[in-house]
């Protein structure tokens, strides 16, 4: 691939920020509808669980296509693929805003979802390539800010727009963000033809490495711990901490802002101490969850524990992505696709496990569902490190 770092002037200076905005637009489209499911149900005269398919179908397609689509597009010029993805997301949101058919809305969300892992994986790859190996973690961390912002701001902003105006207005907001990213990509992102493309067989060959499988399993386990419990955090705050809906929203916003701080810290930590950082993370997360379990009934300490967990989750997301691409540096797009697939699988598994604990023991014990996953995650991180050292020896 032509190095993104070869771009000069505005192209080089704005490349990574543009990628972050593009990731924000795509994650915003994915997650923003979480907060407006009642409006979707009312608009299209369906039940709320049916409206939930606007989230579930999108996530399912991302999980299934994440290892495949980046591989298929790995030989195509990067800028053209990014414009294709952003254009598809823009158009799909315009269609969603204009239709009165729920089936059309589902189709409009399903089709661009296949390009979600293509754009995100390429954005992470291009950001790393633009900075060089030593500074790559910092550049990738800046792109992850777009992920966090999409998750943090997408839900409340979309809810505000849909509540003040309409579902269509919220969809047009998604379209506007993606259109802005499209325009910025046209202006500021250089052409990046793939000069030395690996064959599909060579890319798939990285799956023969023990270190890669250890990394995949580590990402799955750590994400199961983090996002499995996060799915029930609002219920935990309402049931165990016993705070109002407004305060729940404020604490969730605090978590998201702390996550952005964690992303920025991760760039520095991974640049100089990657192995040590990844090994310590499961213990740090376990400490944060233990604190929330013990102090979760008190609003102040609970909010503090949530903030700490937000910072750690931001660092962990970057660390897990670094571990995947470091296991297959010659096939970064495929590695990033595998990262997205493992992360989504972990979220699904963790959500199911924590949900089972809630059914058996109550909401307070959902936190306990994180600990087995963190123990397993640490084990796979340790095994991966040993696999890498044995190959280098």
Protein backbone atom coordinates (compact mmCIF):
# COMPACT_ATOMS: atom_id res chain seq x y z
CA UNK A 1 0.00 0.00 0.00
CA UNK A 2 1.18 3.51 -0.74
CA UNK A 3 2.07 4.98 2.59
CA UNK A 4 -0.45 7.46 3.88
CA UNK A 5 2.49 9.22 5.42
CA UNK A 6 3.65 10.22 1.94
CA UNK A 7 0.82 12.72 1.63
CA UNK A 8 1.86 16.32 1.97
CA UNK A 9 0.16 19.51 3.12
CA UNK A 10 -3.45 19.34 4.25
CA UNK A 11 -3.85 15.72 3.16
CA UNK A 12 -1.18 14.49 5.57
CA UNK A 13 -2.21 16.80 8.39
CA UNK A 14 -5.94 15.97 8.32
CA UNK A 15 -5.81 12.29 7.39
CA UNK A 16 -6.24 10.76 10.85
CA UNK A 17 -8.88 13.31 12.02
CA UNK A 18 -10.90 12.62 8.86
CA UNK A 19 -10.71 8.88 9.54
CA UNK A 20 -11.91 9.49 13.10
CA UNK A 21 -14.89 11.50 11.80
CA UNK A 22 -15.69 8.74 9.31
CA UNK A 23 -15.62 6.08 12.04
CA UNK A 24 -17.78 8.34 14.21
CA UNK A 25 -20.37 8.62 11.45
CA UNK A 26 -20.53 4.86 10.91
CA UNK A 27 -20.64 3.93 14.61
CA UNK A 28 -23.20 6.69 15.15
CA UNK A 29 -25.41 5.11 12.48
CA UNK A 30 -25.00 1.70 14.10
CA UNK A 31 -25.58 2.65 17.75
CA UNK A 32 -27.68 5.81 17.57
CA UNK A 33 -30.97 3.99 16.99
CA UNK A 34 -30.61 2.27 20.39
CA UNK A 35 -32.10 5.35 22.03
CA UNK A 36 -35.07 5.78 19.65
CA UNK A 37 -36.54 2.27 19.44
CA UNK A 38 -39.90 3.49 20.84
CA UNK A 39 -40.09 6.17 18.12
CA UNK A 40 -39.24 3.58 15.47
CA UNK A 41 -41.95 1.27 16.80
CA UNK A 42 -44.49 4.10 16.77
CA UNK A 43 -43.49 5.40 13.33
CA UNK A 44 -43.72 2.01 11.61
CA UNK A 45 -46.49 0.51 13.78
CA UNK A 46 -44.44 -2.42 15.06
CA UNK A 47 -43.67 -3.70 18.55
CA UNK A 48 -40.52 -2.47 20.31
CA UNK A 49 -38.86 -5.94 20.12
CA UNK A 50 -39.43 -5.84 16.35
CA UNK A 51 -37.94 -2.35 16.22
CA UNK A 52 -34.92 -3.84 18.00
CA UNK A 53 -34.07 -5.65 14.77
CA UNK A 54 -32.75 -2.32 13.46
CA UNK A 55 -29.94 -2.84 16.00
CA UNK A 56 -29.72 -6.64 16.10
CA UNK A 57 -29.66 -7.24 12.34
CA UNK A 58 -26.96 -4.61 11.85
CA UNK A 59 -24.78 -6.12 14.60
CA UNK A 60 -25.29 -9.66 13.31
CA UNK A 61 -24.18 -8.68 9.80
CA UNK A 62 -21.09 -6.90 11.17
CA UNK A 63 -20.13 -9.94 13.25
CA UNK A 64 -20.49 -12.35 10.31
CA UNK A 65 -18.91 -10.17 7.64
CA UNK A 66 -16.03 -8.71 9.68
CA UNK A 67 -13.48 -11.44 8.83
CA UNK A 68 -14.59 -11.73 5.19
CA UNK A 69 -15.25 -8.26 3.78
CA UNK A 70 -11.87 -6.64 4.65
CA UNK A 71 -10.18 -9.67 3.08
CA UNK A 72 -12.20 -9.30 -0.15
CA UNK A 73 -11.46 -5.57 -0.40
CA UNK A 74 -7.79 -5.84 0.63
CA UNK A 75 -6.56 -5.32 -2.95
CA UNK A 76 -8.77 -2.32 -3.79
CA UNK A 77 -7.56 1.29 -3.65
CA UNK A 78 -8.22 2.51 -0.10
CA UNK A 79 -9.75 5.89 -0.79
CA UNK A 80 -12.25 4.45 -3.28
CA UNK A 81 -13.39 1.85 -0.74
CA UNK A 82 -13.80 4.47 1.98
CA UNK A 83 -15.88 6.66 -0.32
CA UNK A 84 -18.00 3.64 -1.27
CA UNK A 85 -18.71 2.87 2.40
CA UNK A 86 -19.45 6.46 3.41
CA UNK A 87 -21.62 6.97 0.34
CA UNK A 88 -23.59 3.81 1.11
CA UNK A 89 -24.16 4.90 4.72
CA UNK A 90 -25.26 8.37 3.63
CA UNK A 91 -27.72 6.99 1.08
CA UNK A 92 -29.10 4.36 3.45
CA UNK A 93 -29.90 6.98 6.07
CA UNK A 94 -31.64 9.20 3.52
CA UNK A 95 -33.75 6.20 2.43
CA UNK A 96 -34.58 5.42 6.08
CA UNK A 97 -35.69 9.02 6.63
CA UNK A 98 -38.00 9.01 3.61
CA UNK A 99 -39.68 5.60 3.76
CA UNK A 100 -42.84 4.52 5.58
CA UNK A 101 -42.01 0.82 5.27
CA UNK A 102 -40.33 -1.01 8.14
CA UNK A 103 -39.03 -3.66 5.71
CA UNK A 104 -37.31 -0.93 3.68
CA UNK A 105 -35.71 0.48 6.85
CA UNK A 106 -34.34 -2.95 7.74
CA UNK A 107 -32.98 -3.37 4.21
CA UNK A 108 -31.50 0.14 4.24
CA UNK A 109 -29.61 -0.69 7.43
CA UNK A 110 -28.62 -4.22 6.43
CA UNK A 111 -26.87 -3.42 3.15
CA UNK A 112 -24.35 -0.82 4.38
CA UNK A 113 -23.65 -2.96 7.47
CA UNK A 114 -21.57 -5.23 5.24
CA UNK A 115 -19.25 -2.26 4.58
CA UNK A 116 -18.96 -1.31 8.27
CA UNK A 117 -16.01 -3.66 8.99
CA UNK A 118 -14.39 -2.69 5.67
CA UNK A 119 -14.28 1.01 6.54
CA UNK A 120 -13.35 0.59 10.21
CA UNK A 121 -10.60 -1.97 9.54
CA UNK A 122 -9.12 0.16 6.74
CA UNK A 123 -9.30 3.30 8.88
CA UNK A 124 -7.27 1.57 11.60
CA UNK A 125 -4.79 0.22 9.04
CA UNK A 126 -4.34 3.55 7.25
CA UNK A 127 -3.95 5.46 10.53
CA UNK A 128 -1.20 3.08 11.64
CA UNK A 129 0.55 3.25 8.25
CA UNK A 130 0.45 7.05 8.24
CA UNK A 131 2.37 7.30 11.51
CA UNK A 132 5.02 4.61 11.16
CA UNK A 133 5.51 1.63 13.47
CA UNK A 134 6.70 3.55 16.55
CA UNK A 135 3.86 6.08 16.56
CA UNK A 136 1.16 3.76 15.16
CA UNK A 137 -0.60 3.12 18.52
CA UNK A 138 -1.13 6.87 19.01
CA UNK A 139 -2.59 7.31 15.54
CA UNK A 140 -4.90 4.31 16.01
CA UNK A 141 -5.95 5.66 19.42
CA UNK A 142 -7.11 8.88 17.73
CA UNK A 143 -9.31 6.84 15.39
CA UNK A 144 -10.70 4.97 18.39
CA UNK A 145 -11.85 8.35 19.73
CA UNK A 146 -14.32 8.30 16.81
CA UNK A 147 -15.56 4.90 18.01
CA UNK A 148 -16.04 6.17 21.56
CA UNK A 149 -17.66 9.40 20.41
CA UNK A 150 -20.06 7.45 18.21
CA UNK A 151 -21.10 5.32 21.18
CA UNK A 152 -21.14 8.19 23.70
CA UNK A 153 -22.78 10.95 21.65
CA UNK A 154 -24.77 8.88 19.16
CA UNK A 155 -27.47 7.67 21.55
CA UNK A 156 -28.20 10.92 23.47
CA UNK A 157 -27.94 13.20 20.42
CA UNK A 158 -30.17 10.96 18.34
CA UNK A 159 -32.70 10.72 21.18
CA UNK A 160 -32.70 14.50 21.50
CA UNK A 161 -33.25 15.04 17.78
CA UNK A 162 -35.95 12.38 17.49
CA UNK A 163 -37.72 13.69 20.61
CA UNK A 164 -37.61 17.31 19.51
CA UNK A 165 -38.44 16.70 15.84
CA UNK A 166 -38.89 13.20 14.42
CA UNK A 167 -37.36 9.86 13.49
CA UNK A 168 -36.72 11.21 9.99
CA UNK A 169 -34.76 14.14 11.42
CA UNK A 170 -32.56 11.71 13.36
CA UNK A 171 -31.88 9.70 10.20
CA UNK A 172 -31.02 12.87 8.31
CA UNK A 173 -28.57 13.75 11.11
CA UNK A 174 -26.84 10.39 10.49
CA UNK A 175 -26.82 11.14 6.76
CA UNK A 176 -25.33 14.61 7.32
CA UNK A 177 -22.47 13.25 9.47
CA UNK A 178 -21.61 10.58 6.90
CA UNK A 179 -21.90 13.07 4.03
CA UNK A 180 -19.50 15.42 5.85
CA UNK A 181 -17.04 12.55 6.27
CA UNK A 182 -17.46 11.71 2.57
CA UNK A 183 -16.66 15.29 1.54
CA UNK A 184 -13.67 15.48 3.89
CA UNK A 185 -12.36 12.20 2.48
CA UNK A 186 -12.59 13.55 -1.06
CA UNK A 187 -10.60 16.64 -0.09
CA UNK A 188 -8.11 15.48 2.53
CA UNK A 189 -7.47 11.75 2.06
CA UNK A 190 -4.83 10.92 -0.58
CA UNK A 191 -5.15 8.11 -3.10
CA UNK A 192 -3.73 4.93 -1.59
CA UNK A 193 -3.36 2.19 -4.21
CA UNK A 194 -2.35 -1.23 -2.95
CA UNK A 195 1.06 -1.89 -4.50
CA UNK A 196 2.00 -5.13 -2.78
CA UNK A 197 -1.20 -7.02 -2.14
CA UNK A 198 -0.98 -10.35 -0.34
CA UNK A 199 -2.96 -13.21 -1.85
CA UNK A 200 -6.05 -14.42 -0.03
CA UNK A 201 -4.17 -17.61 0.81
CA UNK A 202 -1.26 -15.73 2.36
CA UNK A 203 -3.63 -13.62 4.47
CA UNK A 204 -5.63 -16.64 5.59
CA UNK A 205 -2.30 -18.28 6.40
CA UNK A 206 -1.95 -16.10 9.51
CA UNK A 207 -4.64 -18.30 11.05
CA UNK A 208 -2.06 -21.08 11.28
CA UNK A 209 -0.20 -19.11 13.95
CA UNK A 210 -0.80 -19.98 17.58
CA UNK A 211 -0.21 -16.34 18.54
CA UNK A 212 -3.08 -15.23 16.31
CA UNK A 213 -5.55 -17.68 17.85
CA UNK A 214 -4.44 -16.70 21.33
CA UNK A 215 -5.01 -13.05 20.37
CA UNK A 216 -8.48 -13.83 18.94
CA UNK A 217 -9.48 -15.65 22.12
CA UNK A 218 -8.02 -12.91 24.34
CA UNK A 219 -10.02 -10.24 22.49
CA UNK A 220 -13.17 -12.35 22.74
CA UNK A 221 -12.77 -12.89 26.48
CA UNK A 222 -11.82 -9.33 27.42
CA UNK A 223 -14.65 -7.87 25.33
CA UNK A 224 -17.07 -10.38 26.86
CA UNK A 225 -16.13 -8.98 30.27
CA UNK A 226 -16.29 -5.30 29.31
CA UNK A 227 -19.27 -5.08 27.00
CA UNK A 228 -21.22 -8.02 28.41
CA UNK A 229 -21.67 -6.12 31.66
CA UNK A 230 -21.93 -2.74 29.92
CA UNK A 231 -25.15 -3.98 28.29
CA UNK A 232 -26.71 -4.04 31.77
CA UNK A 233 -24.96 -1.03 33.30
CA UNK A 234 -28.01 1.24 33.08
CA UNK A 235 -30.15 -1.44 34.75
CA UNK A 236 -27.45 -1.89 37.41
CA UNK A 237 -27.43 1.83 38.16
CA UNK A 238 -31.22 1.94 38.39
CA UNK A 239 -31.61 -1.27 40.43
CA UNK A 240 -28.53 -1.48 42.64
CA UNK A 241 -27.33 2.12 42.86
CA UNK A 242 -30.97 3.31 42.85
CA UNK A 243 -30.43 6.59 41.01
CA UNK A 244 -32.84 8.48 38.77
CA UNK A 245 -33.05 8.08 35.00
CA UNK A 246 -31.40 11.49 34.55
CA UNK A 247 -28.49 10.51 36.79
CA UNK A 248 -28.14 7.20 34.93
CA UNK A 249 -27.77 9.16 31.70
CA UNK A 250 -25.18 11.42 33.32
CA UNK A 251 -23.15 8.46 34.61
CA UNK A 252 -23.29 6.75 31.20
CA UNK A 253 -22.03 9.97 29.63
CA UNK A 254 -19.25 10.03 32.24
CA UNK A 255 -18.32 6.48 31.21
CA UNK A 256 -18.14 7.49 27.57
CA UNK A 257 -16.03 10.58 28.22
CA UNK A 258 -13.70 8.50 30.41
CA UNK A 259 -13.48 6.01 27.55
CA UNK A 260 -12.19 8.77 25.27
CA UNK A 261 -9.57 9.66 27.90
CA UNK A 262 -8.57 6.00 27.97
CA UNK A 263 -8.14 6.01 24.20
CA UNK A 264 -5.74 8.91 24.40
CA UNK A 265 -3.77 7.32 27.26
CA UNK A 266 -3.57 4.06 25.32
CA UNK A 267 -1.60 5.70 22.53
CA UNK A 268 1.19 6.56 24.93
CA UNK A 269 1.12 3.34 26.94
CA UNK A 270 1.16 1.04 23.91
CA UNK A 271 3.90 3.01 22.16
CA UNK A 272 6.41 2.16 24.86
CA UNK A 273 5.07 -0.63 27.06
CA UNK A 274 2.64 -2.68 24.96
CA UNK A 275 3.28 -6.15 26.42
CA UNK A 276 3.26 -4.97 30.02
CA UNK A 277 0.13 -2.86 29.45
CA UNK A 278 -1.83 -5.77 27.94
CA UNK A 279 -0.82 -8.13 30.75
CA UNK A 280 -1.88 -5.69 33.49
CA UNK A 281 -5.23 -4.72 31.94
CA UNK A 282 -7.27 -7.77 33.03
CA UNK A 283 -6.17 -7.24 36.64
CA UNK A 284 -6.97 -3.53 36.51
CA UNK A 285 -10.41 -4.23 35.04
CA UNK A 286 -11.06 -6.91 37.68
CA UNK A 287 -10.20 -4.37 40.37
CA UNK A 288 -12.61 -1.85 38.88
CA UNK A 289 -15.45 -4.38 38.70
CA UNK A 290 -14.73 -5.56 42.24
CA UNK A 291 -14.97 -1.96 43.43
CA UNK A 292 -18.29 -1.52 41.66
CA UNK A 293 -19.61 -4.77 43.18
CA UNK A 294 -18.63 -3.73 46.71
CA UNK A 295 -19.59 -0.04 46.47
CA UNK A 296 -22.29 -0.11 43.81
CA UNK A 297 -25.09 0.78 46.22
CA UNK A 298 -23.54 4.22 46.89
CA UNK A 299 -23.98 6.75 44.05
CA UNK A 300 -20.67 8.61 44.51
CA UNK A 301 -18.36 5.59 44.69
CA UNK A 302 -20.37 3.83 41.98
CA UNK A 303 -19.93 6.79 39.62
CA UNK A 304 -16.20 6.87 40.42
CA UNK A 305 -15.89 3.14 39.68
CA UNK A 306 -17.76 3.59 36.39
CA UNK A 307 -15.39 6.41 35.40
CA UNK A 308 -12.34 4.22 36.15
CA UNK A 309 -13.85 1.37 34.15
CA UNK A 310 -14.45 3.77 31.26
CA UNK A 311 -10.79 4.76 31.17
CA UNK A 312 -9.66 1.13 31.41
CA UNK A 313 -12.09 0.06 28.67
CA UNK A 314 -10.65 2.69 26.34
CA UNK A 315 -7.12 1.44 26.99
CA UNK A 316 -8.21 -2.19 26.65
CA UNK A 317 -9.95 -1.68 23.29
CA UNK A 318 -6.78 -0.17 21.86
CA UNK A 319 -4.64 -2.87 23.47
CA UNK A 320 -6.72 -5.69 22.03
CA UNK A 321 -6.61 -4.17 18.53
CA UNK A 322 -2.84 -3.70 18.81
CA UNK A 323 -2.41 -7.32 19.86
CA UNK A 324 -4.36 -8.57 16.82
CA UNK A 325 -2.47 -6.51 14.24
CA UNK A 326 0.86 -7.22 15.93
CA UNK A 327 0.12 -10.93 15.42
CA UNK A 328 -0.21 -10.44 11.65
CA UNK A 329 1.58 -7.21 10.64
CA UNK A 330 1.71 -8.24 6.97
CA UNK A 331 -2.12 -8.55 6.76
CA UNK A 332 -3.45 -5.59 8.79
CA UNK A 333 -6.86 -5.33 7.09
CA UNK A 334 -7.62 -9.00 7.70
CA UNK A 335 -6.31 -8.76 11.27
CA UNK A 336 -8.53 -5.75 11.96
CA UNK A 337 -11.49 -7.63 10.50
CA UNK A 338 -10.76 -10.52 12.84
CA UNK A 339 -10.55 -8.03 15.70
CA UNK A 340 -14.03 -6.69 14.92
CA UNK A 341 -15.45 -10.22 14.64
CA UNK A 342 -13.88 -11.34 17.94
CA UNK A 343 -15.02 -8.16 19.70
CA UNK A 344 -18.62 -8.61 18.52
CA UNK A 345 -18.58 -12.31 19.44
CA UNK A 346 -17.27 -11.46 22.89
CA UNK A 347 -19.99 -8.87 23.39
CA UNK A 348 -22.68 -11.42 22.50
CA UNK A 349 -21.23 -14.13 24.75
CA UNK A 350 -20.67 -11.76 27.66
CA UNK A 351 -24.15 -10.28 27.38
CA UNK A 352 -25.67 -13.78 27.49
CA UNK A 353 -23.55 -14.82 30.49
CA UNK A 354 -24.24 -11.68 32.53
CA UNK A 355 -27.93 -11.90 31.60
CA UNK A 356 -28.01 -15.49 32.92
CA UNK A 357 -26.50 -14.36 36.23
CA UNK A 358 -29.16 -11.67 36.51
CA UNK A 359 -31.87 -14.28 35.96
CA UNK A 360 -30.36 -16.61 38.58
CA UNK A 361 -29.11 -14.21 41.25
CA UNK A 362 -30.26 -10.64 40.51
CA UNK A 363 -28.82 -7.57 38.82
CA UNK A 364 -26.11 -6.95 41.44
CA UNK A 365 -24.37 -10.20 40.50
CA UNK A 366 -24.08 -9.30 36.81
CA UNK A 367 -20.69 -7.82 37.74
CA UNK A 368 -19.50 -11.28 38.76
CA UNK A 369 -19.94 -12.44 35.19
CA UNK A 370 -16.90 -10.37 34.20
CA UNK A 371 -14.34 -12.20 36.37
CA UNK A 372 -14.17 -15.61 34.61
CA UNK A 373 -13.77 -13.85 31.25
CA UNK A 374 -10.97 -11.65 32.60
CA UNK A 375 -9.13 -14.68 34.01
CA UNK A 376 -9.41 -16.41 30.63
CA UNK A 377 -8.38 -13.22 28.85
CA UNK A 378 -5.23 -12.93 30.95
CA UNK A 379 -4.37 -16.57 30.25
CA UNK A 380 -4.65 -16.09 26.49
CA UNK A 381 -2.64 -12.84 26.61
CA UNK A 382 0.09 -14.71 28.50
CA UNK A 383 0.03 -17.64 26.05
CA UNK A 384 0.22 -15.27 23.12
CA UNK A 385 3.31 -13.59 24.59
CA UNK A 386 4.96 -16.98 25.02
CA UNK A 387 4.06 -17.97 21.45
CA UNK A 388 5.60 -14.77 20.10
CA UNK A 389 8.78 -15.26 22.14
CA UNK A 390 9.13 -18.88 20.99
CA UNK A 391 8.91 -17.80 17.34
CA UNK A 392 11.45 -15.00 17.85
CA UNK A 393 13.89 -17.23 19.76
